[in-house]
Amino acid sequence: MTLSTASATASVRESIVVEAPIERTFATFTTDMGRWWPADHHILQAELAEMVFEPRVGGHIYDRGTDGSECHWARVLAYEPPQRLVFSWDINLQWQLEADPQRTSEVEVRFVAESPERTRVELEHRHLDRHGPGWEQMQAAVGAQDGWGRGLRALASLLAAEAGATPPTP
């Protein structure tokens, strides 16, 4: 497993190599998002019951609470299985929903087959400055060890467990 971060501009970049075919990696990242996304990383008032990824441009990514409430926190902007995905980050600096699309950032995820059984996942969370004054705090949060890095390590661990391999170490 390799993991890297760079934040020289209004973006955060992370990458990881996972031991899984590109198609499985893309499917796990998207439609199985609720299986790897850290359960404590949501902004619902209720306990998280599930995460839903609508696999199409114009679809949403949303959380559903145990009380039936929903939090639509992202819009799918590009959906190109199994190579690429782009979604909005409709969460503001107060970790609440942002209704103004001009004040949201974007997450692009690229999937690169390194071999038939190995995939490099490259994530860029960009345009963080669109969140307005203080955007650096969002950059620090998503770029921290507990941010996108934690999510990608969880993705790699899930894929390794499904393959019966030893999960990667942080």
Protein backbone atom coordinates (compact mmCIF):
# COMPACT_ATOMS: atom_id res chain seq x y z
CA MET A 1 0.00 0.00 0.00
CA THR A 2 1.19 3.50 -0.77
CA LEU A 3 -0.44 6.63 0.52
CA SER A 4 0.51 10.21 -0.24
CA THR A 5 -0.77 13.70 0.41
CA ALA A 6 0.04 17.07 -1.14
CA SER A 7 -1.71 20.34 -0.47
CA ALA A 8 0.29 23.12 -2.15
CA THR A 9 -2.88 24.69 -3.60
CA ALA A 10 -6.57 24.72 -2.76
CA SER A 11 -6.70 20.97 -3.12
CA VAL A 12 -5.79 17.76 -1.34
CA ARG A 13 -4.41 14.74 -3.17
CA GLU A 14 -4.27 11.20 -1.88
CA SER A 15 -3.40 7.95 -3.58
CA ILE A 16 -3.28 4.33 -2.59
CA VAL A 17 -2.57 1.06 -4.35
CA VAL A 18 -5.04 -1.72 -3.60
CA GLU A 19 -4.87 -5.41 -4.32
CA ALA A 20 -8.04 -5.71 -6.39
CA PRO A 21 -9.05 -5.48 -10.05
CA ILE A 22 -10.05 -2.05 -11.31
CA GLU A 23 -13.72 -2.99 -11.81
CA ARG A 24 -14.06 -4.31 -8.24
CA THR A 25 -12.24 -1.29 -6.82
CA PHE A 26 -14.51 1.15 -8.67
CA ALA A 27 -17.66 -0.75 -7.59
CA THR A 28 -16.54 -0.90 -3.96
CA PHE A 29 -15.68 2.81 -3.93
CA THR A 30 -19.06 3.77 -5.37
CA THR A 31 -21.99 1.42 -4.81
CA ASP A 32 -20.39 -0.17 -1.70
CA MET A 33 -19.34 3.20 -0.25
CA GLY A 34 -21.17 2.54 3.00
CA ARG A 35 -18.96 -0.50 3.64
CA TRP A 36 -15.68 1.44 3.71
CA TRP A 37 -16.61 5.06 4.52
CA PRO A 38 -15.89 5.79 8.21
CA ALA A 39 -19.28 5.53 9.97
CA ASP A 40 -18.51 8.52 12.19
CA HIS A 41 -17.94 10.77 9.15
CA HIS A 42 -21.46 11.97 8.46
CA ILE A 43 -23.48 15.06 9.35
CA LEU A 44 -26.86 13.44 10.06
CA GLN A 45 -28.47 14.14 13.42
CA ALA A 46 -29.45 10.47 13.68
CA GLU A 47 -27.24 7.41 13.69
CA LEU A 48 -26.15 6.39 10.19
CA ALA A 49 -28.16 3.49 8.75
CA GLU A 50 -26.75 3.49 5.20
CA MET A 51 -24.98 5.44 2.50
CA VAL A 52 -26.49 5.58 -0.96
CA PHE A 53 -24.55 6.25 -4.15
CA GLU A 54 -26.70 6.85 -7.24
CA PRO A 55 -24.46 5.58 -10.10
CA ARG A 56 -25.11 8.19 -12.78
CA VAL A 57 -24.33 11.78 -13.66
CA GLY A 58 -26.93 13.86 -11.84
CA GLY A 59 -27.27 11.25 -9.11
CA HIS A 60 -26.57 11.97 -5.47
CA ILE A 61 -24.54 10.56 -2.65
CA TYR A 62 -26.52 10.67 0.54
CA ASP A 63 -26.73 9.29 4.03
CA ARG A 64 -29.87 7.83 5.52
CA GLY A 65 -30.33 7.86 9.27
CA THR A 66 -31.87 5.18 11.44
CA ASP A 67 -34.83 7.57 11.87
CA GLY A 68 -35.38 7.75 8.08
CA SER A 69 -33.83 11.21 7.68
CA GLU A 70 -31.61 11.83 4.64
CA CYS A 71 -28.64 14.08 4.03
CA HIS A 72 -27.83 14.61 0.33
CA TRP A 73 -24.23 15.82 0.62
CA ALA A 74 -22.89 15.29 -2.92
CA ARG A 75 -23.93 15.38 -6.58
CA VAL A 76 -22.38 13.00 -9.12
CA LEU A 77 -20.75 15.22 -11.77
CA ALA A 78 -18.92 12.56 -13.82
CA TYR A 79 -19.42 8.80 -13.81
CA GLU A 80 -17.07 6.85 -16.08
CA PRO A 81 -16.75 3.28 -14.76
CA PRO A 82 -14.27 1.90 -14.04
CA GLN A 83 -11.76 4.73 -14.60
CA ARG A 84 -13.16 7.98 -13.19
CA LEU A 85 -15.67 9.58 -10.88
CA VAL A 86 -16.26 13.24 -9.91
CA PHE A 87 -18.67 14.42 -7.24
CA SER A 88 -19.41 17.68 -5.50
CA TRP A 89 -18.67 18.25 -1.80
CA ASP A 90 -21.79 20.09 -0.68
CA ILE A 91 -20.63 20.56 2.90
CA ASN A 92 -19.67 23.97 4.26
CA LEU A 93 -17.05 25.05 6.77
CA GLN A 94 -19.50 24.50 9.64
CA TRP A 95 -19.98 20.86 8.50
CA GLN A 96 -23.53 21.60 7.38
CA LEU A 97 -25.10 21.25 3.93
CA GLU A 98 -24.18 23.98 1.43
CA ALA A 99 -27.06 24.86 -0.90
CA ASP A 100 -25.06 27.17 -3.19
CA PRO A 101 -23.19 25.05 -5.78
CA GLN A 102 -20.78 27.97 -6.35
CA ARG A 103 -19.56 27.46 -2.76
CA THR A 104 -18.86 23.73 -3.02
CA SER A 105 -15.68 21.85 -3.86
CA GLU A 106 -15.20 18.74 -6.01
CA VAL A 107 -13.70 15.31 -5.50
CA GLU A 108 -12.24 13.52 -8.52
CA VAL A 109 -11.25 9.89 -8.17
CA ARG A 110 -9.27 8.09 -10.86
CA PHE A 111 -8.76 4.34 -10.95
CA VAL A 112 -5.66 3.09 -12.77
CA ALA A 113 -5.06 -0.63 -13.36
CA GLU A 114 -1.46 -1.41 -12.47
CA SER A 115 -2.04 -5.11 -13.20
CA PRO A 116 -5.11 -7.33 -13.55
CA GLU A 117 -5.27 -7.64 -9.73
CA ARG A 118 -3.86 -4.29 -8.59
CA THR A 119 -5.36 -0.79 -8.87
CA ARG A 120 -4.04 2.65 -8.00
CA VAL A 121 -6.72 4.97 -6.63
CA GLU A 122 -5.90 8.67 -7.10
CA LEU A 123 -8.13 11.14 -5.30
CA GLU A 124 -8.09 14.92 -5.64
CA HIS A 125 -10.36 17.09 -3.50
CA ARG A 126 -10.12 20.41 -5.35
CA HIS A 127 -11.48 23.95 -5.43
CA LEU A 128 -11.54 24.05 -1.65
CA ASP A 129 -11.21 27.83 -1.86
CA ARG A 130 -14.80 27.94 -3.16
CA HIS A 131 -15.88 27.39 0.45
CA GLY A 132 -14.95 31.02 1.11
CA PRO A 133 -12.85 32.68 3.80
CA GLY A 134 -11.40 30.07 6.11
CA TRP A 135 -11.39 27.37 3.41
CA GLU A 136 -7.98 26.27 4.70
CA GLN A 137 -9.71 24.61 7.67
CA MET A 138 -11.61 22.34 5.25
CA GLN A 139 -8.36 21.59 3.46
CA ALA A 140 -6.71 20.70 6.76
CA ALA A 141 -9.62 18.46 7.77
CA VAL A 142 -9.92 16.46 4.55
CA GLY A 143 -6.14 16.32 4.18
CA ALA A 144 -5.52 15.11 7.73
CA GLN A 145 -4.71 11.50 8.58
CA ASP A 146 -8.34 11.09 9.65
CA GLY A 147 -9.61 12.60 6.36
CA TRP A 148 -9.38 11.09 2.89
CA GLY A 149 -6.35 9.02 3.93
CA ARG A 150 -8.42 7.18 6.51
CA GLY A 151 -11.13 6.49 3.97
CA LEU A 152 -8.72 5.16 1.35
CA ARG A 153 -7.00 2.93 3.93
CA ALA A 154 -10.44 1.56 4.88
CA LEU A 155 -11.19 0.92 1.20
CA ALA A 156 -7.90 -0.97 0.83
CA SER A 157 -8.59 -2.99 3.99
CA LEU A 158 -12.06 -3.97 2.81
CA LEU A 159 -10.78 -5.06 -0.60
CA ALA A 160 -7.94 -7.02 1.02
CA ALA A 161 -10.35 -8.74 3.41
CA GLU A 162 -12.66 -9.71 0.55
CA ALA A 163 -9.67 -11.19 -1.31
CA GLY A 164 -8.47 -13.04 1.80
CA ALA A 165 -5.25 -11.02 1.82
CA THR A 166 -3.57 -9.34 4.74
CA PRO A 167 -5.03 -5.84 5.13
CA PRO A 168 -2.55 -3.00 4.63
CA THR A 169 -1.08 -1.24 7.63
CA PRO A 170 -1.56 2.52 8.11
